[in-house]
Protein backbone atom coordinates (compact mmCIF):
# COMPACT_ATOMS: atom_id res chain seq x y z
CA MET A 1 -0.03 0.22 -0.22
CA GLU A 2 1.29 3.28 -0.87
CA ASP A 3 1.31 6.41 1.42
CA LYS A 4 0.67 10.15 0.38
CA LYS A 5 4.37 10.88 0.52
CA GLY A 6 4.87 7.82 -1.95
CA ASN A 7 6.17 5.42 0.36
CA ILE A 8 5.25 1.55 0.34
CA TRP A 9 3.99 -0.03 3.30
CA LEU A 10 4.40 -3.94 4.09
CA SER A 11 3.04 -6.83 6.53
CA ASP A 12 5.26 -9.21 7.77
CA PHE A 13 2.55 -11.75 7.76
CA ASN A 14 4.27 -14.31 10.50
CA GLY A 15 6.62 -11.78 12.03
CA ALA A 16 4.76 -9.53 13.84
CA HIS A 17 6.33 -6.56 11.66
CA MET A 18 5.29 -3.28 9.18
CA THR A 19 7.69 -2.37 6.89
CA ARG A 20 8.05 0.93 4.99
CA PHE A 21 10.13 0.94 2.03
CA ASP A 22 11.02 4.72 0.63
CA PRO A 23 11.57 4.79 -2.91
CA ARG A 24 13.42 7.59 -3.25
CA THR A 25 16.41 6.79 -0.66
CA LYS A 26 15.47 2.81 -1.17
CA GLN A 27 15.50 2.81 2.37
CA PHE A 28 13.65 -0.11 4.65
CA THR A 29 12.27 0.60 7.86
CA GLU A 30 10.78 -2.26 10.35
CA TYR A 31 8.21 -1.52 13.17
CA PRO A 32 7.71 -4.54 15.55
CA LEU A 33 3.96 -4.57 16.37
CA PRO A 34 3.31 -5.09 20.32
CA ALA A 35 2.26 -8.99 19.77
CA VAL A 36 5.14 -10.76 19.16
CA ASP A 37 3.57 -13.43 17.52
CA GLY A 38 1.25 -11.23 15.78
CA MET A 39 0.17 -11.54 12.16
CA VAL A 40 -0.96 -8.75 10.73
CA ARG A 41 -3.00 -9.84 7.44
CA PHE A 42 -5.35 -6.15 6.78
CA PHE A 43 -4.16 -2.67 7.16
CA GLY A 44 -4.86 0.82 5.82
CA VAL A 45 -2.78 4.28 5.87
CA ASP A 46 -5.00 7.40 7.26
CA PRO A 47 -4.65 10.96 6.02
CA ARG A 48 -2.23 11.65 8.98
CA GLY A 49 0.28 8.89 7.57
CA ARG A 50 -0.96 6.15 10.29
CA VAL A 51 -0.90 2.48 9.56
CA TRP A 52 -4.00 1.00 11.17
CA TYR A 53 -4.29 -2.91 11.00
CA VAL A 54 -6.18 -6.06 12.28
CA ASP A 55 -4.07 -8.54 14.08
CA PHE A 56 -4.97 -11.87 12.15
CA ASP A 57 -4.81 -14.02 15.36
CA THR A 58 -6.34 -12.22 17.83
CA GLY A 59 -8.99 -9.64 15.65
CA ARG A 60 -7.70 -6.79 17.55
CA ILE A 61 -7.31 -3.63 15.90
CA GLY A 62 -4.24 -1.71 16.06
CA VAL A 63 -2.40 1.56 15.11
CA LEU A 64 1.07 2.11 14.36
CA ASP A 65 2.24 5.77 14.00
CA PRO A 66 5.61 6.18 12.18
CA GLY A 67 6.31 9.29 14.17
CA ASP A 68 7.36 11.59 11.06
CA VAL A 69 4.22 12.79 10.06
């Protein structure tokens, strides 16, 4: 999924991480999620740049604020 800045967001289905790829700098940034065994399957980026996700195992909704928006 692409955000407003052109970054590409990926979820690590079994690794409990969200990953942001900046195509301009070719840099990957990983963001660990609170649940070590979490599995993100569905996610979206809101207009403020926060990533909302659903933990597939627990059904809980979470939000990741990368802190640079």
